[in-house]
Protein backbone atom coordinates (compact mmCIF):
# COMPACT_ATOMS: atom_id res chain seq x y z
CA UNK A 1 -0.05 0.00 0.09
CA UNK A 2 1.38 3.11 -1.31
CA UNK A 3 1.31 5.90 1.49
CA UNK A 4 -1.27 8.19 -0.62
CA UNK A 5 -3.43 4.89 -0.79
CA UNK A 6 -3.17 4.18 3.15
CA UNK A 7 -4.02 8.03 3.66
CA UNK A 8 -6.69 7.59 1.09
CA UNK A 9 -8.40 4.87 3.63
CA UNK A 10 -7.90 6.34 7.06
CA UNK A 11 -10.43 8.97 5.95
CA UNK A 12 -12.62 7.00 4.12
CA UNK A 13 -12.24 4.11 7.51
CA UNK A 14 -12.55 7.64 9.36
CA UNK A 15 -15.65 8.78 7.57
CA UNK A 16 -17.46 5.64 7.97
CA UNK A 17 -17.25 6.41 12.67
CA UNK A 18 -14.61 3.81 13.36
CA UNK A 19 -12.08 4.66 16.11
CA UNK A 20 -8.61 5.10 15.98
CA UNK A 21 -8.01 1.58 17.51
CA UNK A 22 -10.33 -0.03 14.89
CA UNK A 23 -8.91 1.84 11.90
CA UNK A 24 -5.36 0.76 13.26
CA UNK A 25 -6.46 -3.23 14.19
CA UNK A 26 -7.72 -2.82 9.82
CA UNK A 27 -4.99 -1.43 8.59
CA UNK A 28 -2.35 -2.91 10.42
CA UNK A 29 -0.20 0.00 11.06
CA UNK A 30 1.02 2.46 14.37
CA UNK A 31 -1.45 4.65 16.64
CA UNK A 32 0.40 7.56 15.23
CA UNK A 33 0.47 7.04 11.73
CA UNK A 34 -3.54 6.67 11.75
CA UNK A 35 -3.70 9.56 13.79
CA UNK A 36 -1.61 12.13 11.56
CA UNK A 37 -4.22 11.55 8.38
CA UNK A 38 -7.32 11.53 10.72
CA UNK A 39 -6.77 14.48 13.52
CA UNK A 40 -9.48 16.48 11.85
CA UNK A 41 -11.91 14.13 11.29
CA UNK A 42 -13.86 13.70 14.99
CA UNK A 43 -16.22 10.73 15.52
CA UNK A 44 -19.54 11.52 15.60
CA UNK A 45 -21.59 12.68 18.40
CA UNK A 46 -23.77 9.77 18.42
CA UNK A 47 -20.72 7.37 17.30
CA UNK A 48 -18.78 9.00 21.36
CA UNK A 49 -22.46 8.77 23.24
CA UNK A 50 -22.59 5.18 22.02
CA UNK A 51 -18.73 4.14 22.60
CA UNK A 52 -19.09 6.13 26.57
CA UNK A 53 -22.04 4.45 27.24
CA UNK A 54 -20.65 0.80 26.63
CA UNK A 55 -17.37 1.41 28.87
CA UNK A 56 -19.86 2.59 31.51
CA UNK A 57 -22.28 0.06 31.71
CA UNK A 58 -19.62 -2.62 31.39
CA UNK A 59 -17.69 -1.17 33.99
CA UNK A 60 -21.18 -1.64 36.27
CA UNK A 61 -21.82 -5.07 35.02
CA UNK A 62 -18.56 -6.46 36.00
CA UNK A 63 -18.59 -3.84 39.37
CA UNK A 64 -22.55 -5.75 40.24
CA UNK A 65 -20.59 -9.34 39.25
CA UNK A 66 -17.43 -9.77 40.11
CA UNK A 67 -17.20 -6.69 43.10
CA UNK A 68 -13.57 -6.57 41.82
CA UNK A 69 -12.95 -10.16 43.78
CA UNK A 70 -10.44 -12.01 41.95
CA UNK A 71 -8.36 -15.41 42.53
CA UNK A 72 -4.84 -14.15 42.03
CA UNK A 73 -4.23 -11.04 44.58
CA UNK A 74 -2.69 -8.17 43.94
CA UNK A 75 -0.50 -5.77 46.13
CA UNK A 76 -2.74 -1.90 46.65
CA UNK A 77 -0.90 0.73 47.97
CA UNK A 78 -1.32 3.71 49.63
CA UNK A 79 2.02 6.35 48.76
CA UNK A 80 2.43 7.25 44.82
CA UNK A 81 6.74 6.58 44.01
CA UNK A 82 8.12 6.78 40.77
CA UNK A 83 7.34 2.76 39.90
CA UNK A 84 3.72 3.05 40.30
CA UNK A 85 3.44 6.64 38.19
CA UNK A 86 5.01 4.83 35.53
CA UNK A 87 2.90 2.21 35.11
CA UNK A 88 -0.11 3.84 35.51
CA UNK A 89 0.66 6.67 33.56
CA UNK A 90 2.02 3.80 30.77
CA UNK A 91 -1.62 2.43 30.65
CA UNK A 92 -2.61 5.47 30.48
CA UNK A 93 -1.33 7.19 27.41
CA UNK A 94 -0.89 4.20 25.57
CA UNK A 95 -2.08 1.22 27.30
CA UNK A 96 -6.28 0.43 27.91
CA UNK A 97 -7.80 0.01 31.41
CA UNK A 98 -10.63 -2.28 29.89
CA UNK A 99 -13.15 -3.68 33.01
CA UNK A 100 -11.32 -6.78 32.75
CA UNK A 101 -7.97 -6.24 31.55
CA UNK A 102 -5.14 -3.89 31.75
CA UNK A 103 -3.33 -4.25 27.98
CA UNK A 104 -0.18 -1.78 27.03
CA UNK A 105 0.52 -1.92 23.01
CA UNK A 106 4.01 -0.49 22.19
CA UNK A 107 6.56 -1.33 19.27
CA UNK A 108 9.48 -0.49 21.51
CA UNK A 109 10.70 -3.22 23.79
CA UNK A 110 12.64 -0.90 26.45
CA UNK A 111 9.06 0.13 27.02
CA UNK A 112 7.12 -3.05 27.31
CA UNK A 113 10.04 -4.69 29.62
CA UNK A 114 8.95 -1.82 31.75
CA UNK A 115 5.67 -1.66 32.32
CA UNK A 116 6.10 -5.47 32.42
CA UNK A 117 8.87 -4.38 35.39
CA UNK A 118 6.56 -1.82 37.34
CA UNK A 119 4.14 -4.28 37.26
CA UNK A 120 5.69 -6.84 39.40
CA UNK A 121 5.81 -4.26 42.21
CA UNK A 122 1.50 -4.44 42.42
CA UNK A 123 1.35 -8.07 40.57
CA UNK A 124 3.13 -11.65 40.28
CA UNK A 125 1.74 -13.13 37.43
CA UNK A 126 3.02 -12.84 33.83
CA UNK A 127 1.17 -11.16 30.98
CA UNK A 128 0.03 -13.18 27.14
CA UNK A 129 2.46 -10.85 25.00
CA UNK A 130 1.11 -11.52 21.18
CA UNK A 131 3.15 -9.07 18.33
CA UNK A 132 1.50 -7.80 14.97
CA UNK A 133 3.11 -6.17 12.42
CA UNK A 134 6.09 -5.19 14.96
CA UNK A 135 3.50 -4.07 17.72
CA UNK A 136 3.94 -6.05 21.09
CA UNK A 137 0.94 -6.36 22.88
CA UNK A 138 0.32 -7.57 26.71
CA UNK A 139 -2.29 -8.21 28.40
CA UNK A 140 -2.50 -8.99 32.26
CA UNK A 141 -6.16 -10.17 32.97
CA UNK A 142 -7.69 -9.49 36.46
CA UNK A 143 -10.92 -8.15 36.39
CA UNK A 144 -10.14 -6.83 39.90
CA UNK A 145 -6.77 -5.03 39.00
CA UNK A 146 -8.52 -3.53 36.36
CA UNK A 147 -10.68 -2.02 38.42
CA UNK A 148 -7.98 -0.89 41.12
CA UNK A 149 -5.62 0.55 38.41
CA UNK A 150 -8.66 2.77 36.70
CA UNK A 151 -9.13 4.17 40.05
CA UNK A 152 -5.55 4.53 40.39
CA UNK A 153 -5.64 6.36 37.60
CA UNK A 154 -8.20 8.75 37.47
CA UNK A 155 -6.50 9.54 41.27
CA UNK A 156 -3.04 9.99 39.04
CA UNK A 157 -4.32 12.45 36.94
CA UNK A 158 -6.17 14.60 39.80
CA UNK A 159 -2.95 14.62 42.04
CA UNK A 160 -0.12 14.72 39.65
CA UNK A 161 0.08 18.72 39.78
CA UNK A 162 0.67 18.34 43.83
CA UNK A 163 3.06 15.46 43.49
CA UNK A 164 7.35 15.77 44.53
CA UNK A 165 9.10 16.86 41.51
CA UNK A 166 10.82 13.49 40.95
CA UNK A 167 7.12 11.98 40.27
CA UNK A 168 6.01 14.21 37.88
CA UNK A 169 9.40 13.79 35.68
CA UNK A 170 8.13 10.74 35.53
CA UNK A 171 5.15 11.07 34.98
CA UNK A 172 6.11 13.77 31.72
CA UNK A 173 8.80 10.53 30.62
CA UNK A 174 6.19 8.49 30.23
CA UNK A 175 4.02 10.53 28.49
CA UNK A 176 7.06 11.56 25.77
CA UNK A 177 8.30 8.25 25.86
CA UNK A 178 4.49 6.81 24.56
CA UNK A 179 3.07 9.69 23.35
CA UNK A 180 5.72 12.25 22.16
CA UNK A 181 8.09 11.93 19.08
CA UNK A 182 10.93 14.86 18.15
CA UNK A 183 10.16 16.59 14.73
CA UNK A 184 13.41 17.36 13.39
CA UNK A 185 13.55 18.56 10.05
CA UNK A 186 15.28 21.72 8.05
CA UNK A 187 15.43 24.53 11.06
CA UNK A 188 12.02 23.45 11.69
CA UNK A 189 12.80 21.88 16.11
CA UNK A 190 9.90 20.64 18.15
CA UNK A 191 9.24 17.61 20.82
CA UNK A 192 5.62 16.89 20.45
CA UNK A 193 2.89 14.86 21.89
CA UNK A 194 -0.07 13.80 21.31
CA UNK A 195 -3.27 12.58 23.50
CA UNK A 196 -6.84 13.46 22.62
CA UNK A 197 -8.02 13.98 26.28
CA UNK A 198 -7.62 17.92 26.15
CA UNK A 199 -7.45 17.33 29.97
CA UNK A 200 -4.03 15.15 29.85
CA UNK A 201 -2.69 18.03 27.82
CA UNK A 202 -3.69 20.59 29.83
CA UNK A 203 -1.81 18.56 32.87
CA UNK A 204 1.24 18.52 30.56
CA UNK A 205 1.28 21.75 29.59
CA UNK A 206 1.11 22.66 33.05
CA UNK A 207 3.81 20.25 34.59
CA UNK A 208 6.34 21.70 31.65
CA UNK A 209 6.11 25.04 33.15
CA UNK A 210 7.13 23.74 36.71
CA UNK A 211 10.07 22.60 34.77
CA UNK A 212 10.20 26.03 33.33
CA UNK A 213 9.90 24.82 29.93
CA UNK A 214 7.17 26.22 27.57
CA UNK A 215 4.68 24.77 25.08
CA UNK A 216 1.34 25.66 23.07
CA UNK A 217 -1.47 23.28 22.97
CA UNK A 218 -2.62 23.06 19.56
CA UNK A 219 -6.16 21.79 18.59
CA UNK A 220 -4.87 18.90 16.37
CA UNK A 221 -4.37 17.39 20.35
CA UNK A 222 -1.19 18.92 21.36
CA UNK A 223 1.36 20.04 23.07
CA UNK A 224 4.57 21.12 21.45
CA UNK A 225 8.08 22.42 22.42
CA UNK A 226 9.73 24.66 20.42
CA UNK A 227 13.25 27.14 20.82
CA UNK A 228 16.28 26.14 21.96
CA UNK A 229 16.20 27.21 25.40
CA UNK A 230 12.90 24.94 25.94
CA UNK A 231 14.63 22.28 24.18
CA UNK A 232 17.74 22.23 25.85
CA UNK A 233 15.67 22.30 29.38
CA UNK A 234 13.18 19.41 28.22
CA UNK A 235 16.61 17.59 26.89
CA UNK A 236 18.32 18.34 30.87
CA UNK A 237 15.05 17.63 32.78
CA UNK A 238 12.98 14.97 30.91
CA UNK A 239 14.05 13.31 27.78
CA UNK A 240 13.38 10.70 26.57
CA UNK A 241 14.42 6.88 27.89
CA UNK A 242 16.95 5.27 26.65
CA UNK A 243 16.10 2.68 24.14
CA UNK A 244 12.91 4.70 22.92
CA UNK A 245 12.93 4.41 18.99
CA UNK A 246 11.25 5.82 16.37
CA UNK A 247 9.63 3.39 13.42
CA UNK A 248 12.26 3.89 11.05
CA UNK A 249 9.92 1.27 8.15
CA UNK A 250 6.77 4.03 8.45
CA UNK A 251 5.88 5.12 5.24
CA UNK A 252 6.31 8.91 6.35
CA UNK A 253 9.79 8.22 8.33
CA UNK A 254 11.73 11.28 6.93
CA UNK A 255 14.76 8.59 9.28
CA UNK A 256 14.38 5.67 7.49
CA UNK A 257 15.97 4.07 10.71
CA UNK A 258 15.28 2.91 14.36
CA UNK A 259 16.99 6.27 15.69
CA UNK A 260 16.65 6.29 19.63
CA UNK A 261 14.13 10.00 20.36
CA UNK A 262 16.61 11.27 22.76
CA UNK A 263 18.88 10.88 19.74
CA UNK A 264 17.07 12.98 17.72
CA UNK A 265 17.23 15.94 19.98
CA UNK A 266 20.82 15.33 20.41
CA UNK A 267 21.55 15.74 17.52
CA UNK A 268 18.83 18.52 17.16
CA UNK A 269 20.42 20.77 19.64
CA UNK A 270 24.03 20.30 17.97
CA UNK A 271 22.58 22.24 15.01
CA UNK A 272 22.00 25.42 16.21
CA UNK A 273 25.95 25.76 17.10
CA UNK A 274 26.15 25.05 13.08
């Protein structure tokens, strides 16, 4: 499929009211590639209402039938630390907190291993794992765990502004590892992060400001960092994690190889000296 055919397919499916996840599954392409072509095409209000009602009903159903009980126990936590902030943040950004499962998708083995390791702090059982088109998917099927971490995700959103600075850094790094990219072409340089939830974008912007990093939020579900002083501060305070690479095989990739995101940022900053 050519780049133009891929773009046309994305638009046609969106016009049929397919969600981002459904288009990704149908075309077998990364979420960011699909989103690039449909970001200006919102779902209909009826489809949004249908999705919201479906999630609400399934959560209520599982709560009624299971009451959060499980034969596979997990460890609850009362205080936030670097491990559980990273776990919940990754499940929020590139994961799915379903009524019966905790799912995480990524093509970076470094991030898959991080979620596995942080999950071990609360849950002793290994996830099921599969891979399709280079994207790795790990799934923890446990109703009680899913309900519990779903509640924790809502708490983290409400509490991140008042957590210690280091935990804010963990939250931001998880966001940019999952949802971020380094755009560097010619004289244009920007760290970008995508998220459909406006509230998340606003939180990210506030947290960045606390690290003296100015950013802008566009109407295209993007928080963007530009200008040398902001990029230098981002590299020093947040940065991308080691091992987190771009997909060099994407049809619209300008690098054509799986460079680390932090390496592209380093090159972008070095270009100011040229």
